Amino acid sequence: MHEFAESDYCYGVGPIRLRLVRVDWDKPIPHEDDTWLGVRAVVVDRFGREVAVREMLIRAGRVPVPPACKRPRLRVLRSTPV
């Protein structure tokens, strides 16, 4: 869950709490002299309840970067016990 200030998303009034579902990383949108990203998110109220699904623009610098994908650990298989 992430909270965004009114100045960091379009269009709404006041801060908003969201659980991000999808971020269009490959389609940045120039808007108001900044770069924005389209997101699909679930709005979370102050009690932690999921209220509605919204699609909106969020300032790219405020969208949390997803964790890097880790490569699986390679294990050596041995045919004889050590």
PDB file of N, CA and C in Angstrom:
ATOM      1  N   MET A   1       0.853  -1.163   0.000  1.00  0.00           N
ATOM      2  CA  MET A   1       0.000   0.000   0.000  1.00  0.00           C
ATOM      3  C   MET A   1       0.906   1.234   0.000  1.00  0.00           C
ATOM      4  N   HIS A   2       0.499   2.217  -0.786  1.00  0.00           N
ATOM      5  CA  HIS A   2       1.294   3.436  -0.923  1.00  0.00           C
ATOM      6  C   HIS A   2       0.368   4.636  -0.824  1.00  0.00           C
ATOM      7  N   GLU A   3       0.880   5.713  -0.238  1.00  0.00           N
ATOM      8  CA  GLU A   3       0.092   6.941  -0.133  1.00  0.00           C
ATOM      9  C   GLU A   3       0.717   7.998  -1.036  1.00  0.00           C
ATOM     10  N   PHE A   4      -0.152   8.696  -1.772  1.00  0.00           N
ATOM     11  CA  PHE A   4       0.299   9.723  -2.702  1.00  0.00           C
ATOM     12  C   PHE A   4      -0.367  11.042  -2.350  1.00  0.00           C
ATOM     13  N   ALA A   5       0.420  12.119  -2.405  1.00  0.00           N
ATOM     14  CA  ALA A   5      -0.107  13.461  -2.163  1.00  0.00           C
ATOM     15  C   ALA A   5      -0.955  13.886  -3.359  1.00  0.00           C
ATOM     16  N   GLU A   6      -1.809  14.850  -3.136  1.00  0.00           N
ATOM     17  CA  GLU A   6      -2.679  15.364  -4.208  1.00  0.00           C
ATOM     18  C   GLU A   6      -1.877  15.819  -5.418  1.00  0.00           C
ATOM     19  N   SER A   7      -0.702  16.378  -5.196  1.00  0.00           N
ATOM     20  CA  SER A   7       0.125  16.880  -6.302  1.00  0.00           C
ATOM     21  C   SER A   7       0.816  15.765  -7.088  1.00  0.00           C
ATOM     22  N   ASP A   8       0.754  14.534  -6.594  1.00  0.00           N
ATOM     23  CA  ASP A   8       1.447  13.423  -7.245  1.00  0.00           C
ATOM     24  C   ASP A   8       0.553  12.529  -8.082  1.00  0.00           C
ATOM     25  N   TYR A   9      -0.749  12.845  -8.154  1.00  0.00           N
ATOM     26  CA  TYR A   9      -1.623  12.052  -9.005  1.00  0.00           C
ATOM     27  C   TYR A   9      -2.671  12.940  -9.669  1.00  0.00           C
ATOM     28  N   CYS A  10      -3.238  12.428 -10.762  1.00  0.00           N
ATOM     29  CA  CYS A  10      -4.299  13.123 -11.487  1.00  0.00           C
ATOM     30  C   CYS A  10      -5.520  12.217 -11.428  1.00  0.00           C
ATOM     31  N   TYR A  11      -6.565  12.565 -11.223  1.00  0.00           N
ATOM     32  CA  TYR A  11      -7.187  13.815 -10.841  1.00  0.00           C
ATOM     33  C   TYR A  11      -7.944  13.505  -9.564  1.00  0.00           C
ATOM     34  N   GLY A  12      -7.835  14.318  -8.582  1.00  0.00           N
ATOM     35  CA  GLY A  12      -8.501  14.077  -7.318  1.00  0.00           C
ATOM     36  C   GLY A  12      -8.168  15.170  -6.331  1.00  0.00           C
ATOM     37  N   VAL A  13      -8.757  15.053  -5.167  1.00  0.00           N
ATOM     38  CA  VAL A  13      -8.558  16.047  -4.119  1.00  0.00           C
ATOM     39  C   VAL A  13      -8.053  15.342  -2.874  1.00  0.00           C
ATOM     40  N   GLY A  14      -6.961  15.849  -2.326  1.00  0.00           N
ATOM     41  CA  GLY A  14      -6.403  15.294  -1.098  1.00  0.00           C
ATOM     42  C   GLY A  14      -5.518  14.086  -1.349  1.00  0.00           C
ATOM     43  N   PRO A  15      -4.841  13.623  -0.295  1.00  0.00           N
ATOM     44  CA  PRO A  15      -3.979  12.445  -0.432  1.00  0.00           C
ATOM     45  C   PRO A  15      -4.823  11.195  -0.687  1.00  0.00           C
ATOM     46  N   ILE A  16      -4.192  10.180  -1.277  1.00  0.00           N
ATOM     47  CA  ILE A  16      -4.910   8.943  -1.589  1.00  0.00           C
ATOM     48  C   ILE A  16      -4.013   7.749  -1.277  1.00  0.00           C
ATOM     49  N   ARG A  17      -4.621   6.700  -0.726  1.00  0.00           N
ATOM     50  CA  ARG A  17      -3.899   5.449  -0.454  1.00  0.00           C
ATOM     51  C   ARG A  17      -4.289   4.432  -1.509  1.00  0.00           C
ATOM     52  N   LEU A  18      -3.280   3.786  -2.070  1.00  0.00           N
ATOM     53  CA  LEU A  18      -3.534   2.845  -3.154  1.00  0.00           C
ATOM     54  C   LEU A  18      -2.746   1.558  -2.962  1.00  0.00           C
ATOM     55  N   ARG A  19      -3.328   0.484  -3.448  1.00  0.00           N
ATOM     56  CA  ARG A  19      -2.595  -0.764  -3.638  1.00  0.00           C
ATOM     57  C   ARG A  19      -2.445  -0.898  -5.143  1.00  0.00           C
ATOM     58  N   LEU A  20      -1.225  -0.737  -5.626  1.00  0.00           N
ATOM     59  CA  LEU A  20      -0.980  -0.751  -7.071  1.00  0.00           C
ATOM     60  C   LEU A  20      -1.162  -2.163  -7.619  1.00  0.00           C
ATOM     61  N   VAL A  21      -1.917  -2.253  -8.702  1.00  0.00           N
ATOM     62  CA  VAL A  21      -2.168  -3.527  -9.361  1.00  0.00           C
ATOM     63  C   VAL A  21      -1.328  -3.637 -10.632  1.00  0.00           C
ATOM     64  N   ARG A  22      -1.298  -2.560 -11.417  1.00  0.00           N
ATOM     65  CA  ARG A  22      -0.550  -2.560 -12.671  1.00  0.00           C
ATOM     66  C   ARG A  22       0.040  -1.176 -12.909  1.00  0.00           C
ATOM     67  N   VAL A  23       1.271  -1.131 -13.356  1.00  0.00           N
ATOM     68  CA  VAL A  23       1.931   0.123 -13.727  1.00  0.00           C
ATOM     69  C   VAL A  23       2.407  -0.025 -15.167  1.00  0.00           C
ATOM     70  N   ASP A  24       2.058   0.930 -16.003  1.00  0.00           N
ATOM     71  CA  ASP A  24       2.490   0.910 -17.406  1.00  0.00           C
ATOM     72  C   ASP A  24       3.877   1.542 -17.518  1.00  0.00           C
ATOM     73  N   TRP A  25       4.881   0.782 -17.121  1.00  0.00           N
ATOM     74  CA  TRP A  25       6.260   1.269 -17.122  1.00  0.00           C
ATOM     75  C   TRP A  25       6.736   1.616 -18.521  1.00  0.00           C
ATOM     76  N   ASP A  26       6.264   0.896 -19.520  1.00  0.00           N
ATOM     77  CA  ASP A  26       6.763   1.087 -20.878  1.00  0.00           C
ATOM     78  C   ASP A  26       6.041   2.197 -21.643  1.00  0.00           C
ATOM     79  N   LYS A  27       5.090   2.879 -20.995  1.00  0.00           N
ATOM     80  CA  LYS A  27       4.353   3.960 -21.664  1.00  0.00           C
ATOM     81  C   LYS A  27       4.329   5.237 -20.816  1.00  0.00           C
ATOM     82  N   PRO A  28       5.491   5.866 -20.596  1.00  0.00           N
ATOM     83  CA  PRO A  28       5.492   7.116 -19.820  1.00  0.00           C
ATOM     84  C   PRO A  28       4.724   8.203 -20.571  1.00  0.00           C
ATOM     85  N   ILE A  29       4.064   9.061 -19.818  1.00  0.00           N
ATOM     86  CA  ILE A  29       3.219  10.113 -20.396  1.00  0.00           C
ATOM     87  C   ILE A  29       3.744  11.478 -19.962  1.00  0.00           C
ATOM     88  N   PRO A  30       4.125  12.339 -20.919  1.00  0.00           N
ATOM     89  CA  PRO A  30       4.523  13.698 -20.539  1.00  0.00           C
ATOM     90  C   PRO A  30       3.268  14.503 -20.194  1.00  0.00           C
ATOM     91  N   HIS A  31       3.272  15.146 -19.022  1.00  0.00           N
ATOM     92  CA  HIS A  31       2.111  15.911 -18.555  1.00  0.00           C
ATOM     93  C   HIS A  31       2.593  16.938 -17.542  1.00  0.00           C
ATOM     94  N   GLU A  32       2.184  18.180 -17.699  1.00  0.00           N
ATOM     95  CA  GLU A  32       2.543  19.258 -16.773  1.00  0.00           C
ATOM     96  C   GLU A  32       4.053  19.343 -16.533  1.00  0.00           C
ATOM     97  N   ASP A  33       4.830  19.279 -17.602  1.00  0.00           N
ATOM     98  CA  ASP A  33       6.293  19.393 -17.535  1.00  0.00           C
ATOM     99  C   ASP A  33       6.948  18.318 -16.664  1.00  0.00           C
ATOM    100  N   ASP A  34       6.361  17.144 -16.602  1.00  0.00           N
ATOM    101  CA  ASP A  34       6.915  16.035 -15.838  1.00  0.00           C
ATOM    102  C   ASP A  34       6.538  14.740 -16.555  1.00  0.00           C
ATOM    103  N   THR A  35       7.051  13.631 -16.071  1.00  0.00           N
ATOM    104  CA  THR A  35       6.715  12.322 -16.633  1.00  0.00           C
ATOM    105  C   THR A  35       5.791  11.600 -15.667  1.00  0.00           C
ATOM    106  N   TRP A  36       4.716  11.047 -16.207  1.00  0.00           N
ATOM    107  CA  TRP A  36       3.703  10.364 -15.417  1.00  0.00           C
ATOM    108  C   TRP A  36       3.534   8.950 -15.940  1.00  0.00           C
ATOM    109  N   LEU A  37       3.015   8.071 -15.085  1.00  0.00           N
ATOM    110  CA  LEU A  37       2.759   6.690 -15.486  1.00  0.00           C
ATOM    111  C   LEU A  37       1.295   6.359 -15.243  1.00  0.00           C
ATOM    112  N   GLY A  38       0.716   5.634 -16.177  1.00  0.00           N
ATOM    113  CA  GLY A  38      -0.644   5.160 -15.981  1.00  0.00           C
ATOM    114  C   GLY A  38      -0.627   3.966 -15.047  1.00  0.00           C
ATOM    115  N   VAL A  39      -1.517   3.961 -14.078  1.00  0.00           N
ATOM    116  CA  VAL A  39      -1.602   2.837 -13.137  1.00  0.00           C
ATOM    117  C   VAL A  39      -3.044   2.389 -12.985  1.00  0.00           C
ATOM    118  N   ARG A  40      -3.197   1.144 -12.632  1.00  0.00           N
ATOM    119  CA  ARG A  40      -4.484   0.601 -12.194  1.00  0.00           C
ATOM    120  C   ARG A  40      -4.254   0.249 -10.735  1.00  0.00           C
ATOM    121  N   ALA A  41      -5.141   0.718  -9.870  1.00  0.00           N
ATOM    122  CA  ALA A  41      -4.919   0.546  -8.438  1.00  0.00           C
ATOM    123  C   ALA A  41      -6.238   0.385  -7.702  1.00  0.00           C
ATOM    124  N   VAL A  42      -6.138  -0.161  -6.513  1.00  0.00           N
ATOM    125  CA  VAL A  42      -7.288  -0.288  -5.625  1.00  0.00           C
ATOM    126  C   VAL A  42      -7.152   0.791  -4.557  1.00  0.00           C
ATOM    127  N   VAL A  43      -8.191   1.593  -4.397  1.00  0.00           N
ATOM    128  CA  VAL A  43      -8.192   2.643  -3.382  1.00  0.00           C
ATOM    129  C   VAL A  43      -8.456   1.986  -2.028  1.00  0.00           C
ATOM    130  N   VAL A  44      -7.650   2.358  -1.033  1.00  0.00           N
ATOM    131  CA  VAL A  44      -7.776   1.815   0.318  1.00  0.00           C
ATOM    132  C   VAL A  44      -8.156   2.950   1.253  1.00  0.00           C
ATOM    133  N   ASP A  45      -9.235   2.771   2.018  1.00  0.00           N
ATOM    134  CA  ASP A  45      -9.662   3.837   2.929  1.00  0.00           C
ATOM    135  C   ASP A  45      -8.810   3.841   4.198  1.00  0.00           C
ATOM    136  N   ARG A  46      -9.084   4.773   5.094  1.00  0.00           N
ATOM    137  CA  ARG A  46      -8.249   4.923   6.298  1.00  0.00           C
ATOM    138  C   ARG A  46      -8.375   3.758   7.262  1.00  0.00           C
ATOM    139  N   PHE A  47      -9.386   2.895   7.072  1.00  0.00           N
ATOM    140  CA  PHE A  47      -9.564   1.726   7.921  1.00  0.00           C
ATOM    141  C   PHE A  47      -8.942   0.478   7.314  1.00  0.00           C
ATOM    142  N   GLY A  48      -8.303   0.637   6.135  1.00  0.00           N
ATOM    143  CA  GLY A  48      -7.648  -0.476   5.480  1.00  0.00           C
ATOM    144  C   GLY A  48      -8.553  -1.283   4.570  1.00  0.00           C
ATOM    145  N   ARG A  49      -9.777  -0.798   4.338  1.00  0.00           N
ATOM    146  CA  ARG A  49     -10.709  -1.514   3.460  1.00  0.00           C
ATOM    147  C   ARG A  49     -10.483  -1.085   2.014  1.00  0.00           C
ATOM    148  N   GLU A  50     -10.560  -2.062   1.112  1.00  0.00           N
ATOM    149  CA  GLU A  50     -10.443  -1.759  -0.312  1.00  0.00           C
ATOM    150  C   GLU A  50     -11.789  -1.242  -0.790  1.00  0.00           C
ATOM    151  N   VAL A  51     -11.781  -0.028  -1.353  1.00  0.00           N
ATOM    152  CA  VAL A  51     -13.016   0.671  -1.670  1.00  0.00           C
ATOM    153  C   VAL A  51     -13.384   0.595  -3.147  1.00  0.00           C
ATOM    154  N   ALA A  52     -12.444   0.907  -4.031  1.00  0.00           N
ATOM    155  CA  ALA A  52     -12.755   0.984  -5.457  1.00  0.00           C
ATOM    156  C   ALA A  52     -11.498   0.748  -6.276  1.00  0.00           C
ATOM    157  N   VAL A  53     -11.702   0.408  -7.534  1.00  0.00           N
ATOM    158  CA  VAL A  53     -10.597   0.266  -8.480  1.00  0.00           C
ATOM    159  C   VAL A  53     -10.567   1.524  -9.336  1.00  0.00           C
ATOM    160  N   ARG A  54      -9.368   2.099  -9.510  1.00  0.00           N
ATOM    161  CA  ARG A  54      -9.215   3.313 -10.322  1.00  0.00           C
ATOM    162  C   ARG A  54      -8.052   3.162 -11.271  1.00  0.00           C
ATOM    163  N   GLU A  55      -8.189   3.822 -12.401  1.00  0.00           N
ATOM    164  CA  GLU A  55      -7.064   3.983 -13.321  1.00  0.00           C
ATOM    165  C   GLU A  55      -6.727   5.457 -13.307  1.00  0.00           C
ATOM    166  N   MET A  56      -5.450   5.769 -13.125  1.00  0.00           N
ATOM    167  CA  MET A  56      -5.043   7.168 -12.966  1.00  0.00           C
ATOM    168  C   MET A  56      -3.612   7.360 -13.404  1.00  0.00           C
ATOM    169  N   LEU A  57      -3.208   8.617 -13.424  1.00  0.00           N
ATOM    170  CA  LEU A  57      -1.816   8.974 -13.696  1.00  0.00           C
ATOM    171  C   LEU A  57      -1.147   9.317 -12.367  1.00  0.00           C
ATOM    172  N   ILE A  58       0.061   8.790 -12.196  1.00  0.00           N
ATOM    173  CA  ILE A  58       0.859   9.110 -11.007  1.00  0.00           C
ATOM    174  C   ILE A  58       2.225   9.572 -11.487  1.00  0.00           C
ATOM    175  N   ARG A  59       2.731  10.593 -10.820  1.00  0.00           N
ATOM    176  CA  ARG A  59       4.054  11.140 -11.153  1.00  0.00           C
ATOM    177  C   ARG A  59       5.087  10.009 -11.093  1.00  0.00           C
ATOM    178  N   ALA A  60       5.847   9.824 -12.170  1.00  0.00           N
ATOM    179  CA  ALA A  60       6.775   8.694 -12.287  1.00  0.00           C
ATOM    180  C   ALA A  60       7.783   8.626 -11.138  1.00  0.00           C
ATOM    181  N   GLY A  61       8.234   9.757 -10.670  1.00  0.00           N
ATOM    182  CA  GLY A  61       9.206   9.767  -9.582  1.00  0.00           C
ATOM    183  C   GLY A  61       8.650   9.296  -8.250  1.00  0.00           C
ATOM    184  N   ARG A  62       7.338   9.201  -8.133  1.00  0.00           N
ATOM    185  CA  ARG A  62       6.702   8.781  -6.878  1.00  0.00           C
ATOM    186  C   ARG A  62       6.252   7.319  -6.892  1.00  0.00           C
ATOM    187  N   VAL A  63       6.257   6.700  -8.071  1.00  0.00           N
ATOM    188  CA  VAL A  63       5.842   5.290  -8.160  1.00  0.00           C
ATOM    189  C   VAL A  63       6.983   4.425  -7.656  1.00  0.00           C
ATOM    190  N   PRO A  64       6.716   3.556  -6.671  1.00  0.00           N
ATOM    191  CA  PRO A  64       7.787   2.703  -6.151  1.00  0.00           C
ATOM    192  C   PRO A  64       8.268   1.719  -7.221  1.00  0.00           C
ATOM    193  N   VAL A  65       9.566   1.574  -7.304  1.00  0.00           N
ATOM    194  CA  VAL A  65      10.164   0.668  -8.278  1.00  0.00           C
ATOM    195  C   VAL A  65       9.999  -0.763  -7.763  1.00  0.00           C
ATOM    196  N   PRO A  66       9.556  -1.673  -8.632  1.00  0.00           N
ATOM    197  CA  PRO A  66       9.393  -3.062  -8.169  1.00  0.00           C
ATOM    198  C   PRO A  66      10.742  -3.677  -7.849  1.00  0.00           C
ATOM    199  N   PRO A  67      10.753  -4.653  -6.946  1.00  0.00           N
ATOM    200  CA  PRO A  67      12.028  -5.304  -6.622  1.00  0.00           C
ATOM    201  C   PRO A  67      12.575  -6.042  -7.839  1.00  0.00           C
ATOM    202  N   ALA A  68      13.877  -6.091  -7.920  1.00  0.00           N
ATOM    203  CA  ALA A  68      14.524  -6.772  -9.048  1.00  0.00           C
ATOM    204  C   ALA A  68      14.233  -8.265  -8.991  1.00  0.00           C
ATOM    205  N   CYS A  69      14.076  -8.846 -10.151  1.00  0.00           N
ATOM    206  CA  CYS A  69      13.862 -10.294 -10.217  1.00  0.00           C
ATOM    207  C   CYS A  69      15.182 -10.983  -9.907  1.00  0.00           C
ATOM    208  N   LYS A  70      15.120 -11.910  -8.987  1.00  0.00           N
ATOM    209  CA  LYS A  70      16.330 -12.641  -8.637  1.00  0.00           C
ATOM    210  C   LYS A  70      16.439 -13.883  -9.508  1.00  0.00           C
ATOM    211  N   ARG A  71      17.647 -14.158  -9.896  1.00  0.00           N
ATOM    212  CA  ARG A  71      17.879 -15.384 -10.653  1.00  0.00           C
ATOM    213  C   ARG A  71      17.815 -16.563  -9.706  1.00  0.00           C
ATOM    214  N   PRO A  72      17.300 -17.685 -10.175  1.00  0.00           N
ATOM    215  CA  PRO A  72      17.262 -18.853  -9.294  1.00  0.00           C
ATOM    216  C   PRO A  72      18.674 -19.311  -8.950  1.00  0.00           C
ATOM    217  N   ARG A  73      18.819 -19.803  -7.773  1.00  0.00           N
ATOM    218  CA  ARG A  73      20.114 -20.284  -7.317  1.00  0.00           C
ATOM    219  C   ARG A  73      20.426 -21.599  -8.018  1.00  0.00           C
ATOM    220  N   LEU A  74      21.601 -21.679  -8.600  1.00  0.00           N
ATOM    221  CA  LEU A  74      22.001 -22.903  -9.290  1.00  0.00           C
ATOM    222  C   LEU A  74      22.644 -23.860  -8.296  1.00  0.00           C
ATOM    223  N   ARG A  75      22.200 -25.091  -8.344  1.00  0.00           N
ATOM    224  CA  ARG A  75      22.763 -26.101  -7.455  1.00  0.00           C
ATOM    225  C   ARG A  75      23.476 -27.148  -8.291  1.00  0.00           C
ATOM    226  N   VAL A  76      24.572 -27.597  -7.783  1.00  0.00           N
ATOM    227  CA  VAL A  76      25.335 -28.618  -8.464  1.00  0.00           C
ATOM    228  C   VAL A  76      24.720 -29.959  -8.100  1.00  0.00           C
ATOM    229  N   LEU A  77      24.366 -30.719  -9.108  1.00  0.00           N
ATOM    230  CA  LEU A  77      23.843 -32.063  -8.872  1.00  0.00           C
ATOM    231  C   LEU A  77      24.987 -33.054  -8.979  1.00  0.00           C
ATOM    232  N   ARG A  78      25.113 -33.883  -7.991  1.00  0.00           N
ATOM    233  CA  ARG A  78      26.192 -34.858  -8.004  1.00  0.00           C
ATOM    234  C   ARG A  78      25.583 -36.252  -8.041  1.00  0.00           C
ATOM    235  N   SER A  79      26.188 -37.089  -8.843  1.00  0.00           N
ATOM    236  CA  SER A  79      25.672 -38.441  -8.962  1.00  0.00           C
ATOM    237  C   SER A  79      26.187 -39.341  -7.836  1.00  0.00           C
ATOM    238  N   THR A  80      27.296 -38.943  -7.214  1.00  0.00           N
ATOM    239  CA  THR A  80      27.827 -39.744  -6.098  1.00  0.00           C
ATOM    240  C   THR A  80      27.823 -38.900  -4.845  1.00  0.00           C
ATOM    241  N   PRO A  81      27.512 -39.497  -3.700  1.00  0.00           N
ATOM    242  CA  PRO A  81      27.504 -38.725  -2.446  1.00  0.00           C
ATOM    243  C   PRO A  81      28.911 -38.256  -2.087  1.00  0.00           C
ATOM    244  N   VAL A  82      28.982 -37.148  -1.423  1.00  0.00           N
ATOM    245  CA  VAL A  82      30.273 -36.558  -1.026  1.00  0.00           C
ATOM    246  C   VAL A  82      30.622 -36.992   0.361  1.00  0.00           C
TER     247      VAL A  82
END
